[in-house]
Amino acid sequence: VRGRGLPRLQRSGRGDLLVRVLVWTPQRLSKEQREVFQRLRETEES
């Protein structure tokens, strides 16, 4: 995200904000969620 970091000292403009996306994996699944993921596993690519 450009321009959402810190100001540049004695210069114009700002640095950038770098957002690192981390995919969260649930450790406990409800019965409904488990069924959804079971169906997904049957159809998803390897």
ModelCIF file with pLDDT and N, C-alpha, C, O atoms, coordinates in Angstrom:
data_MODEL
#
_entry.id   MODEL 
#
_entity.id                         1 
_entity.type                       polymer 
_entity.pdbx_number_of_molecules   1 
#
_entity_poly.entity_id                      1 
_entity_poly.type                           'polypeptide(L)' 
_entity_poly.nstd_linkage                   no 
_entity_poly.nstd_monomer                   no 
_entity_poly.pdbx_seq_one_letter_code       VRGRGLPRLQRSGRGDLLVRVLVWTPQRLSKEQREVFQRLRETEES 
_entity_poly.pdbx_seq_one_letter_code_can   VRGRGLPRLQRSGRGDLLVRVLVWTPQRLSKEQREVFQRLRETEES 
_entity_poly.pdbx_strand_id                 A 
#
loop_
_entity_poly_seq.entity_id 
_entity_poly_seq.num 
_entity_poly_seq.mon_id 
_entity_poly_seq.hetero 
1 1  VAL n 
1 2  ARG n 
1 3  GLY n 
1 4  ARG n 
1 5  GLY n 
1 6  LEU n 
1 7  PRO n 
1 8  ARG n 
1 9  LEU n 
1 10 GLN n 
1 11 ARG n 
1 12 SER n 
1 13 GLY n 
1 14 ARG n 
1 15 GLY n 
1 16 ASP n 
1 17 LEU n 
1 18 LEU n 
1 19 VAL n 
1 20 ARG n 
1 21 VAL n 
1 22 LEU n 
1 23 VAL n 
1 24 TRP n 
1 25 THR n 
1 26 PRO n 
1 27 GLN n 
1 28 ARG n 
1 29 LEU n 
1 30 SER n 
1 31 LYS n 
1 32 GLU n 
1 33 GLN n 
1 34 ARG n 
1 35 GLU n 
1 36 VAL n 
1 37 PHE n 
1 38 GLN n 
1 39 ARG n 
1 40 LEU n 
1 41 ARG n 
1 42 GLU n 
1 43 THR n 
1 44 GLU n 
1 45 GLU n 
1 46 SER n 
#
_struct_asym.id          A 
_struct_asym.entity_id   1 
#
loop_
_ma_qa_metric.id 
_ma_qa_metric.mode 
_ma_qa_metric.name 
_ma_qa_metric.software_group_id 
_ma_qa_metric.type 
1 global pLDDT . pLDDT 
2 local  pLDDT . pLDDT 
#
_ma_qa_metric_global.metric_id      1 
_ma_qa_metric_global.metric_value   89.37 
_ma_qa_metric_global.model_id       1 
_ma_qa_metric_global.ordinal_id     1 
#
loop_
_ma_qa_metric_local.label_asym_id 
_ma_qa_metric_local.label_comp_id 
_ma_qa_metric_local.label_seq_id 
_ma_qa_metric_local.metric_id 
_ma_qa_metric_local.metric_value 
_ma_qa_metric_local.model_id 
_ma_qa_metric_local.ordinal_id 
A VAL 1  2 95.00 1 1  
A ARG 2  2 95.00 1 2  
A GLY 3  2 94.00 1 3  
A ARG 4  2 95.00 1 4  
A GLY 5  2 95.00 1 5  
A LEU 6  2 96.00 1 6  
A PRO 7  2 95.00 1 7  
A ARG 8  2 92.00 1 8  
A LEU 9  2 86.00 1 9  
A GLN 10 2 78.00 1 10 
A ARG 11 2 84.00 1 11 
A SER 12 2 89.00 1 12 
A GLY 13 2 93.00 1 13 
A ARG 14 2 94.00 1 14 
A GLY 15 2 94.00 1 15 
A ASP 16 2 96.00 1 16 
A LEU 17 2 96.00 1 17 
A LEU 18 2 96.00 1 18 
A VAL 19 2 96.00 1 19 
A ARG 20 2 95.00 1 20 
A VAL 21 2 95.00 1 21 
A LEU 22 2 94.00 1 22 
A VAL 23 2 92.00 1 23 
A TRP 24 2 90.00 1 24 
A THR 25 2 86.00 1 25 
A PRO 26 2 86.00 1 26 
A GLN 27 2 86.00 1 27 
A ARG 28 2 88.00 1 28 
A LEU 29 2 88.00 1 29 
A SER 30 2 91.00 1 30 
A LYS 31 2 91.00 1 31 
A GLU 32 2 91.00 1 32 
A GLN 33 2 86.00 1 33 
A ARG 34 2 89.00 1 34 
A GLU 35 2 90.00 1 35 
A VAL 36 2 88.00 1 36 
A PHE 37 2 85.00 1 37 
A GLN 38 2 88.00 1 38 
A ARG 39 2 89.00 1 39 
A LEU 40 2 85.00 1 40 
A ARG 41 2 84.00 1 41 
A GLU 42 2 85.00 1 42 
A THR 43 2 84.00 1 43 
A GLU 44 2 77.00 1 44 
A GLU 45 2 75.00 1 45 
A SER 46 2 74.00 1 46 
#
loop_
_atom_site.group_PDB 
_atom_site.id 
_atom_site.type_symbol 
_atom_site.label_atom_id 
_atom_site.label_alt_id 
_atom_site.label_comp_id 
_atom_site.label_asym_id 
_atom_site.label_entity_id 
_atom_site.label_seq_id 
_atom_site.pdbx_PDB_ins_code 
_atom_site.Cartn_x 
_atom_site.Cartn_y 
_atom_site.Cartn_z 
_atom_site.occupancy 
_atom_site.B_iso_or_equiv 
_atom_site.pdbx_formal_charge 
_atom_site.auth_seq_id 
_atom_site.auth_comp_id 
_atom_site.auth_asym_id 
_atom_site.auth_atom_id 
_atom_site.pdbx_PDB_model_num 
ATOM 1   N N  . VAL A 1 1  ? 0.880   -1.176  0.000  1.00 95.00 ? 1  VAL A N  1 
ATOM 2   C CA . VAL A 1 1  ? 0.000   0.000   0.000  1.00 95.00 ? 1  VAL A CA 1 
ATOM 3   C C  . VAL A 1 1  ? 0.911   1.218   0.000  1.00 95.00 ? 1  VAL A C  1 
ATOM 4   O O  . VAL A 1 1  ? 1.537   1.530   1.013  1.00 95.00 ? 1  VAL A O  1 
ATOM 5   N N  . ARG A 1 2  ? 0.987   1.896   -1.120 1.00 95.00 ? 2  ARG A N  1 
ATOM 6   C CA . ARG A 1 2  ? 1.938   2.988   -1.255 1.00 95.00 ? 2  ARG A CA 1 
ATOM 7   C C  . ARG A 1 2  ? 1.514   4.221   -0.443 1.00 95.00 ? 2  ARG A C  1 
ATOM 8   O O  . ARG A 1 2  ? 0.336   4.571   -0.367 1.00 95.00 ? 2  ARG A O  1 
ATOM 9   N N  . GLY A 1 3  ? 2.534   4.867   0.163  1.00 94.00 ? 3  GLY A N  1 
ATOM 10  C CA . GLY A 1 3  ? 2.297   6.128   0.850  1.00 94.00 ? 3  GLY A CA 1 
ATOM 11  C C  . GLY A 1 3  ? 1.659   6.020   2.215  1.00 94.00 ? 3  GLY A C  1 
ATOM 12  O O  . GLY A 1 3  ? 1.222   7.032   2.764  1.00 94.00 ? 3  GLY A O  1 
ATOM 13  N N  . ARG A 1 4  ? 1.590   4.816   2.791  1.00 95.00 ? 4  ARG A N  1 
ATOM 14  C CA . ARG A 1 4  ? 0.989   4.685   4.130  1.00 95.00 ? 4  ARG A CA 1 
ATOM 15  C C  . ARG A 1 4  ? 2.027   4.229   5.160  1.00 95.00 ? 4  ARG A C  1 
ATOM 16  O O  . ARG A 1 4  ? 1.674   3.692   6.210  1.00 95.00 ? 4  ARG A O  1 
ATOM 17  N N  . GLY A 1 5  ? 3.284   4.444   4.856  1.00 95.00 ? 5  GLY A N  1 
ATOM 18  C CA . GLY A 1 5  ? 4.345   4.167   5.824  1.00 95.00 ? 5  GLY A CA 1 
ATOM 19  C C  . GLY A 1 5  ? 4.703   5.416   6.615  1.00 95.00 ? 5  GLY A C  1 
ATOM 20  O O  . GLY A 1 5  ? 3.822   6.202   6.966  1.00 95.00 ? 5  GLY A O  1 
ATOM 21  N N  . LEU A 1 6  ? 5.992   5.606   6.900  1.00 96.00 ? 6  LEU A N  1 
ATOM 22  C CA . LEU A 1 6  ? 6.461   6.746   7.688  1.00 96.00 ? 6  LEU A CA 1 
ATOM 23  C C  . LEU A 1 6  ? 6.976   7.854   6.775  1.00 96.00 ? 6  LEU A C  1 
ATOM 24  O O  . LEU A 1 6  ? 7.400   7.582   5.653  1.00 96.00 ? 6  LEU A O  1 
ATOM 25  N N  . PRO A 1 7  ? 6.944   9.108   7.247  1.00 95.00 ? 7  PRO A N  1 
ATOM 26  C CA . PRO A 1 7  ? 7.481   10.212  6.436  1.00 95.00 ? 7  PRO A CA 1 
ATOM 27  C C  . PRO A 1 7  ? 8.972   10.025  6.185  1.00 95.00 ? 7  PRO A C  1 
ATOM 28  O O  . PRO A 1 7  ? 9.691   9.464   7.012  1.00 95.00 ? 7  PRO A O  1 
ATOM 29  N N  . ARG A 1 8  ? 9.418   10.498  5.043  1.00 92.00 ? 8  ARG A N  1 
ATOM 30  C CA . ARG A 1 8  ? 10.835  10.477  4.716  1.00 92.00 ? 8  ARG A CA 1 
ATOM 31  C C  . ARG A 1 8  ? 11.487  11.715  5.336  1.00 92.00 ? 8  ARG A C  1 
ATOM 32  O O  . ARG A 1 8  ? 11.090  12.844  5.047  1.00 92.00 ? 8  ARG A O  1 
ATOM 33  N N  . LEU A 1 9  ? 12.475  11.500  6.178  1.00 86.00 ? 9  LEU A N  1 
ATOM 34  C CA . LEU A 1 9  ? 13.099  12.593  6.924  1.00 86.00 ? 9  LEU A CA 1 
ATOM 35  C C  . LEU A 1 9  ? 13.736  13.597  5.963  1.00 86.00 ? 9  LEU A C  1 
ATOM 36  O O  . LEU A 1 9  ? 14.555  13.241  5.116  1.00 86.00 ? 9  LEU A O  1 
ATOM 37  N N  . GLN A 1 10 ? 13.339  14.857  6.119  1.00 78.00 ? 10 GLN A N  1 
ATOM 38  C CA . GLN A 1 10 ? 13.871  15.971  5.333  1.00 78.00 ? 10 GLN A CA 1 
ATOM 39  C C  . GLN A 1 10 ? 13.648  15.785  3.835  1.00 78.00 ? 10 GLN A C  1 
ATOM 40  O O  . GLN A 1 10 ? 14.347  16.383  3.017  1.00 78.00 ? 10 GLN A O  1 
ATOM 41  N N  . ARG A 1 11 ? 12.672  14.955  3.483  1.00 84.00 ? 11 ARG A N  1 
ATOM 42  C CA . ARG A 1 11 ? 12.279  14.785  2.084  1.00 84.00 ? 11 ARG A CA 1 
ATOM 43  C C  . ARG A 1 11 ? 10.763  14.727  2.022  1.00 84.00 ? 11 ARG A C  1 
ATOM 44  O O  . ARG A 1 11 ? 10.098  14.531  3.039  1.00 84.00 ? 11 ARG A O  1 
ATOM 45  N N  . SER A 1 12 ? 10.220  14.897  0.818  1.00 89.00 ? 12 SER A N  1 
ATOM 46  C CA . SER A 1 12 ? 8.768   14.817  0.665  1.00 89.00 ? 12 SER A CA 1 
ATOM 47  C C  . SER A 1 12 ? 8.339   13.360  0.530  1.00 89.00 ? 12 SER A C  1 
ATOM 48  O O  . SER A 1 12 ? 9.134   12.491  0.172  1.00 89.00 ? 12 SER A O  1 
ATOM 49  N N  . GLY A 1 13 ? 7.070   13.117  0.821  1.00 93.00 ? 13 GLY A N  1 
ATOM 50  C CA . GLY A 1 13 ? 6.508   11.781  0.634  1.00 93.00 ? 13 GLY A CA 1 
ATOM 51  C C  . GLY A 1 13 ? 6.686   10.883  1.840  1.00 93.00 ? 13 GLY A C  1 
ATOM 52  O O  . GLY A 1 13 ? 7.344   11.234  2.820  1.00 93.00 ? 13 GLY A O  1 
ATOM 53  N N  . ARG A 1 14 ? 6.076   9.708   1.735  1.00 94.00 ? 14 ARG A N  1 
ATOM 54  C CA . ARG A 1 14 ? 6.120   8.706   2.795  1.00 94.00 ? 14 ARG A CA 1 
ATOM 55  C C  . ARG A 1 14 ? 6.497   7.350   2.217  1.00 94.00 ? 14 ARG A C  1 
ATOM 56  O O  . ARG A 1 14 ? 6.382   7.105   1.016  1.00 94.00 ? 14 ARG A O  1 
ATOM 57  N N  . GLY A 1 15 ? 6.948   6.483   3.105  1.00 94.00 ? 15 GLY A N  1 
ATOM 58  C CA . GLY A 1 15 ? 7.210   5.111   2.708  1.00 94.00 ? 15 GLY A CA 1 
ATOM 59  C C  . GLY A 1 15 ? 5.921   4.350   2.514  1.00 94.00 ? 15 GLY A C  1 
ATOM 60  O O  . GLY A 1 15 ? 4.844   4.948   2.497  1.00 94.00 ? 15 GLY A O  1 
ATOM 61  N N  . ASP A 1 16 ? 6.012   3.029   2.367  1.00 96.00 ? 16 ASP A N  1 
ATOM 62  C CA . ASP A 1 16 ? 4.849   2.200   2.065  1.00 96.00 ? 16 ASP A CA 1 
ATOM 63  C C  . ASP A 1 16 ? 4.486   1.303   3.249  1.00 96.00 ? 16 ASP A C  1 
ATOM 64  O O  . ASP A 1 16 ? 5.300   1.056   4.139  1.00 96.00 ? 16 ASP A O  1 
ATOM 65  N N  . LEU A 1 17 ? 3.247   0.826   3.233  1.00 96.00 ? 17 LEU A N  1 
ATOM 66  C CA . LEU A 1 17 ? 2.783   -0.190  4.172  1.00 96.00 ? 17 LEU A CA 1 
ATOM 67  C C  . LEU A 1 17 ? 2.771   -1.520  3.429  1.00 96.00 ? 17 LEU A C  1 
ATOM 68  O O  . LEU A 1 17 ? 2.131   -1.652  2.386  1.00 96.00 ? 17 LEU A O  1 
ATOM 69  N N  . LEU A 1 18 ? 3.482   -2.499  3.972  1.00 96.00 ? 18 LEU A N  1 
ATOM 70  C CA . LEU A 1 18 ? 3.556   -3.830  3.361  1.00 96.00 ? 18 LEU A CA 1 
ATOM 71  C C  . LEU A 1 18 ? 2.738   -4.796  4.215  1.00 96.00 ? 18 LEU A C  1 
ATOM 72  O O  . LEU A 1 18 ? 3.076   -5.061  5.369  1.00 96.00 ? 18 LEU A O  1 
ATOM 73  N N  . VAL A 1 19 ? 1.673   -5.311  3.641  1.00 96.00 ? 19 VAL A N  1 
ATOM 74  C CA . VAL A 1 19 ? 0.758   -6.185  4.357  1.00 96.00 ? 19 VAL A CA 1 
ATOM 75  C C  . VAL A 1 19 ? 1.072   -7.631  3.965  1.00 96.00 ? 19 VAL A C  1 
ATOM 76  O O  . VAL A 1 19 ? 0.885   -8.034  2.817  1.00 96.00 ? 19 VAL A O  1 
ATOM 77  N N  . ARG A 1 20 ? 1.551   -8.397  4.943  1.00 95.00 ? 20 ARG A N  1 
ATOM 78  C CA . ARG A 1 20 ? 1.847   -9.813  4.690  1.00 95.00 ? 20 ARG A CA 1 
ATOM 79  C C  . ARG A 1 20 ? 0.612   -10.642 5.029  1.00 95.00 ? 20 ARG A C  1 
ATOM 80  O O  . ARG A 1 20 ? 0.178   -10.673 6.181  1.00 95.00 ? 20 ARG A O  1 
ATOM 81  N N  . VAL A 1 21 ? 0.063   -11.298 4.049  1.00 95.00 ? 21 VAL A N  1 
ATOM 82  C CA . VAL A 1 21 ? -1.162  -12.081 4.210  1.00 95.00 ? 21 VAL A CA 1 
ATOM 83  C C  . VAL A 1 21 ? -0.791  -13.471 4.736  1.00 95.00 ? 21 VAL A C  1 
ATOM 84  O O  . VAL A 1 21 ? 0.025   -14.172 4.138  1.00 95.00 ? 21 VAL A O  1 
ATOM 85  N N  . LEU A 1 22 ? -1.396  -13.858 5.856  1.00 94.00 ? 22 LEU A N  1 
ATOM 86  C CA . LEU A 1 22 ? -1.171  -15.178 6.462  1.00 94.00 ? 22 LEU A CA 1 
ATOM 87  C C  . LEU A 1 22 ? -2.491  -15.937 6.479  1.00 94.00 ? 22 LEU A C  1 
ATOM 88  O O  . LEU A 1 22 ? -3.453  -15.509 7.117  1.00 94.00 ? 22 LEU A O  1 
ATOM 89  N N  . VAL A 1 23 ? -2.532  -17.062 5.778  1.00 92.00 ? 23 VAL A N  1 
ATOM 90  C CA . VAL A 1 23 ? -3.761  -17.860 5.726  1.00 92.00 ? 23 VAL A CA 1 
ATOM 91  C C  . VAL A 1 23 ? -3.871  -18.653 7.030  1.00 92.00 ? 23 VAL A C  1 
ATOM 92  O O  . VAL A 1 23 ? -2.991  -19.437 7.385  1.00 92.00 ? 23 VAL A O  1 
ATOM 93  N N  . TRP A 1 24 ? -4.963  -18.423 7.712  1.00 90.00 ? 24 TRP A N  1 
ATOM 94  C CA . TRP A 1 24 ? -5.185  -19.057 9.019  1.00 90.00 ? 24 TRP A CA 1 
ATOM 95  C C  . TRP A 1 24 ? -5.874  -20.403 8.835  1.00 90.00 ? 24 TRP A C  1 
ATOM 96  O O  . TRP A 1 24 ? -6.883  -20.505 8.137  1.00 90.00 ? 24 TRP A O  1 
ATOM 97  N N  . THR A 1 25 ? -5.324  -21.425 9.464  1.00 86.00 ? 25 THR A N  1 
ATOM 98  C CA . THR A 1 25 ? -5.925  -22.764 9.400  1.00 86.00 ? 25 THR A CA 1 
ATOM 99  C C  . THR A 1 25 ? -6.578  -23.079 10.737 1.00 86.00 ? 25 THR A C  1 
ATOM 100 O O  . THR A 1 25 ? -5.893  -23.119 11.759 1.00 86.00 ? 25 THR A O  1 
ATOM 101 N N  . PRO A 1 26 ? -7.900  -23.306 10.755 1.00 86.00 ? 26 PRO A N  1 
ATOM 102 C CA . PRO A 1 26 ? -8.577  -23.599 12.030 1.00 86.00 ? 26 PRO A CA 1 
ATOM 103 C C  . PRO A 1 26 ? -8.112  -24.931 12.606 1.00 86.00 ? 26 PRO A C  1 
ATOM 104 O O  . PRO A 1 26 ? -7.901  -25.896 11.872 1.00 86.00 ? 26 PRO A O  1 
ATOM 105 N N  . GLN A 1 27 ? -7.957  -24.973 13.922 1.00 86.00 ? 27 GLN A N  1 
ATOM 106 C CA . GLN A 1 27 ? -7.501  -26.195 14.583 1.00 86.00 ? 27 GLN A CA 1 
ATOM 107 C C  . GLN A 1 27 ? -8.677  -27.078 15.027 1.00 86.00 ? 27 GLN A C  1 
ATOM 108 O O  . GLN A 1 27 ? -8.548  -28.294 15.169 1.00 86.00 ? 27 GLN A O  1 
ATOM 109 N N  . ARG A 1 28 ? -9.810  -26.434 15.236 1.00 88.00 ? 28 ARG A N  1 
ATOM 110 C CA . ARG A 1 28 ? -11.003 -27.215 15.630 1.00 88.00 ? 28 ARG A CA 1 
ATOM 111 C C  . ARG A 1 28 ? -12.130 -26.867 14.670 1.00 88.00 ? 28 ARG A C  1 
ATOM 112 O O  . ARG A 1 28 ? -12.433 -25.694 14.455 1.00 88.00 ? 28 ARG A O  1 
ATOM 113 N N  . LEU A 1 29 ? -12.740 -27.877 14.102 1.00 88.00 ? 29 LEU A N  1 
ATOM 114 C CA . LEU A 1 29 ? -13.815 -27.690 13.128 1.00 88.00 ? 29 LEU A CA 1 
ATOM 115 C C  . LEU A 1 29 ? -15.141 -28.166 13.703 1.00 88.00 ? 29 LEU A C  1 
ATOM 116 O O  . LEU A 1 29 ? -15.206 -29.170 14.413 1.00 88.00 ? 29 LEU A O  1 
ATOM 117 N N  . SER A 1 30 ? -16.194 -27.425 13.380 1.00 91.00 ? 30 SER A N  1 
ATOM 118 C CA . SER A 1 30 ? -17.535 -27.888 13.742 1.00 91.00 ? 30 SER A CA 1 
ATOM 119 C C  . SER A 1 30 ? -17.937 -28.992 12.759 1.00 91.00 ? 30 SER A C  1 
ATOM 120 O O  . SER A 1 30 ? -17.268 -29.220 11.751 1.00 91.00 ? 30 SER A O  1 
ATOM 121 N N  . LYS A 1 31 ? -19.022 -29.658 13.069 1.00 91.00 ? 31 LYS A N  1 
ATOM 122 C CA . LYS A 1 31 ? -19.486 -30.742 12.203 1.00 91.00 ? 31 LYS A CA 1 
ATOM 123 C C  . LYS A 1 31 ? -19.796 -30.211 10.814 1.00 91.00 ? 31 LYS A C  1 
ATOM 124 O O  . LYS A 1 31 ? -19.455 -30.848 9.817  1.00 91.00 ? 31 LYS A O  1 
ATOM 125 N N  . GLU A 1 32 ? -20.433 -29.062 10.738 1.00 91.00 ? 32 GLU A N  1 
ATOM 126 C CA . GLU A 1 32 ? -20.792 -28.473 9.447  1.00 91.00 ? 32 GLU A CA 1 
ATOM 127 C C  . GLU A 1 32 ? -19.548 -28.086 8.658  1.00 91.00 ? 32 GLU A C  1 
ATOM 128 O O  . GLU A 1 32 ? -19.468 -28.327 7.453  1.00 91.00 ? 32 GLU A O  1 
ATOM 129 N N  . GLN A 1 33 ? -18.574 -27.482 9.348  1.00 86.00 ? 33 GLN A N  1 
ATOM 130 C CA . GLN A 1 33 ? -17.341 -27.105 8.675  1.00 86.00 ? 33 GLN A CA 1 
ATOM 131 C C  . GLN A 1 33 ? -16.588 -28.325 8.148  1.00 86.00 ? 33 GLN A C  1 
ATOM 132 O O  . GLN A 1 33 ? -16.044 -28.307 7.044  1.00 86.00 ? 33 GLN A O  1 
ATOM 133 N N  . ARG A 1 34 ? -16.568 -29.375 8.950  1.00 89.00 ? 34 ARG A N  1 
ATOM 134 C CA . ARG A 1 34 ? -15.869 -30.583 8.526  1.00 89.00 ? 34 ARG A CA 1 
ATOM 135 C C  . ARG A 1 34 ? -16.503 -31.138 7.247  1.00 89.00 ? 34 ARG A C  1 
ATOM 136 O O  . ARG A 1 34 ? -15.805 -31.569 6.330  1.00 89.00 ? 34 ARG A O  1 
ATOM 137 N N  . GLU A 1 35 ? -17.848 -31.119 7.206  1.00 90.00 ? 35 GLU A N  1 
ATOM 138 C CA . GLU A 1 35 ? -18.541 -31.624 6.018  1.00 90.00 ? 35 GLU A CA 1 
ATOM 139 C C  . GLU A 1 35 ? -18.198 -30.775 4.788  1.00 90.00 ? 35 GLU A C  1 
ATOM 140 O O  . GLU A 1 35 ? -18.001 -31.304 3.693  1.00 90.00 ? 35 GLU A O  1 
ATOM 141 N N  . VAL A 1 36 ? -18.131 -29.454 4.982  1.00 88.00 ? 36 VAL A N  1 
ATOM 142 C CA . VAL A 1 36 ? -17.789 -28.556 3.865  1.00 88.00 ? 36 VAL A CA 1 
ATOM 143 C C  . VAL A 1 36 ? -16.389 -28.858 3.348  1.00 88.00 ? 36 VAL A C  1 
ATOM 144 O O  . VAL A 1 36 ? -16.169 -28.936 2.139  1.00 88.00 ? 36 VAL A O  1 
ATOM 145 N N  . PHE A 1 37 ? -15.441 -29.027 4.268  1.00 85.00 ? 37 PHE A N  1 
ATOM 146 C CA . PHE A 1 37 ? -14.060 -29.282 3.850  1.00 85.00 ? 37 PHE A CA 1 
ATOM 147 C C  . PHE A 1 37 ? -13.911 -30.674 3.223  1.00 85.00 ? 37 PHE A C  1 
ATOM 148 O O  . PHE A 1 37 ? -13.062 -30.888 2.358  1.00 85.00 ? 37 PHE A O  1 
ATOM 149 N N  . GLN A 1 38 ? -14.751 -31.619 3.674  1.00 88.00 ? 38 GLN A N  1 
ATOM 150 C CA . GLN A 1 38 ? -14.721 -32.946 3.064  1.00 88.00 ? 38 GLN A CA 1 
ATOM 151 C C  . GLN A 1 38 ? -15.158 -32.857 1.604  1.00 88.00 ? 38 GLN A C  1 
ATOM 152 O O  . GLN A 1 38 ? -14.535 -33.448 0.723  1.00 88.00 ? 38 GLN A O  1 
ATOM 153 N N  . ARG A 1 39 ? -16.239 -32.108 1.357  1.00 89.00 ? 39 ARG A N  1 
ATOM 154 C CA . ARG A 1 39 ? -16.714 -31.950 -0.020 1.00 89.00 ? 39 ARG A CA 1 
ATOM 155 C C  . ARG A 1 39 ? -15.685 -31.194 -0.862 1.00 89.00 ? 39 ARG A C  1 
ATOM 156 O O  . ARG A 1 39 ? -15.484 -31.494 -2.039 1.00 89.00 ? 39 ARG A O  1 
ATOM 157 N N  . LEU A 1 40 ? -15.022 -30.187 -0.222 1.00 85.00 ? 40 LEU A N  1 
ATOM 158 C CA . LEU A 1 40 ? -14.004 -29.412 -0.935 1.00 85.00 ? 40 LEU A CA 1 
ATOM 159 C C  . LEU A 1 40 ? -12.830 -30.298 -1.326 1.00 85.00 ? 40 LEU A C  1 
ATOM 160 O O  . LEU A 1 40 ? -12.293 -30.173 -2.427 1.00 85.00 ? 40 LEU A O  1 
ATOM 161 N N  . ARG A 1 41 ? -12.430 -31.191 -0.427 1.00 84.00 ? 41 ARG A N  1 
ATOM 162 C CA . ARG A 1 41 ? -11.292 -32.053 -0.718 1.00 84.00 ? 41 ARG A CA 1 
ATOM 163 C C  . ARG A 1 41 ? -11.584 -32.980 -1.888 1.00 84.00 ? 41 ARG A C  1 
ATOM 164 O O  . ARG A 1 41 ? -10.679 -33.352 -2.636 1.00 84.00 ? 41 ARG A O  1 
ATOM 165 N N  . GLU A 1 42 ? -12.843 -33.349 -2.041 1.00 85.00 ? 42 GLU A N  1 
ATOM 166 C CA . GLU A 1 42 ? -13.208 -34.247 -3.125 1.00 85.00 ? 42 GLU A CA 1 
ATOM 167 C C  . GLU A 1 42 ? -13.160 -33.562 -4.480 1.00 85.00 ? 42 GLU A C  1 
ATOM 168 O O  . GLU A 1 42 ? -13.029 -34.218 -5.514 1.00 85.00 ? 42 GLU A O  1 
ATOM 169 N N  . THR A 1 43 ? -13.269 -32.216 -4.469 1.00 84.00 ? 43 THR A N  1 
ATOM 170 C CA . THR A 1 43 ? -13.348 -31.492 -5.747 1.00 84.00 ? 43 THR A CA 1 
ATOM 171 C C  . THR A 1 43 ? -12.121 -30.631 -6.037 1.00 84.00 ? 43 THR A C  1 
ATOM 172 O O  . THR A 1 43 ? -11.897 -30.238 -7.182 1.00 84.00 ? 43 THR A O  1 
ATOM 173 N N  . GLU A 1 44 ? -11.327 -30.336 -5.007 1.00 77.00 ? 44 GLU A N  1 
ATOM 174 C CA . GLU A 1 44 ? -10.219 -29.405 -5.236 1.00 77.00 ? 44 GLU A CA 1 
ATOM 175 C C  . GLU A 1 44 ? -9.058  -30.067 -5.958 1.00 77.00 ? 44 GLU A C  1 
ATOM 176 O O  . GLU A 1 44 ? -8.915  -31.290 -5.960 1.00 77.00 ? 44 GLU A O  1 
ATOM 177 N N  . GLU A 1 45 ? -8.233  -29.225 -6.571 1.00 75.00 ? 45 GLU A N  1 
ATOM 178 C CA . GLU A 1 45 ? -7.040  -29.709 -7.247 1.00 75.00 ? 45 GLU A CA 1 
ATOM 179 C C  . GLU A 1 45 ? -5.987  -30.078 -6.211 1.00 75.00 ? 45 GLU A C  1 
ATOM 180 O O  . GLU A 1 45 ? -5.993  -29.577 -5.087 1.00 75.00 ? 45 GLU A O  1 
ATOM 181 N N  . SER A 1 46 ? -5.089  -30.961 -6.614 1.00 74.00 ? 46 SER A N  1 
ATOM 182 C CA . SER A 1 46 ? -4.004  -31.342 -5.713 1.00 74.00 ? 46 SER A CA 1 
ATOM 183 C C  . SER A 1 46 ? -2.997  -30.211 -5.615 1.00 74.00 ? 46 SER A C  1 
ATOM 184 O O  . SER A 1 46 ? -2.001  -30.332 -4.902 1.00 74.00 ? 46 SER A O  1 
#
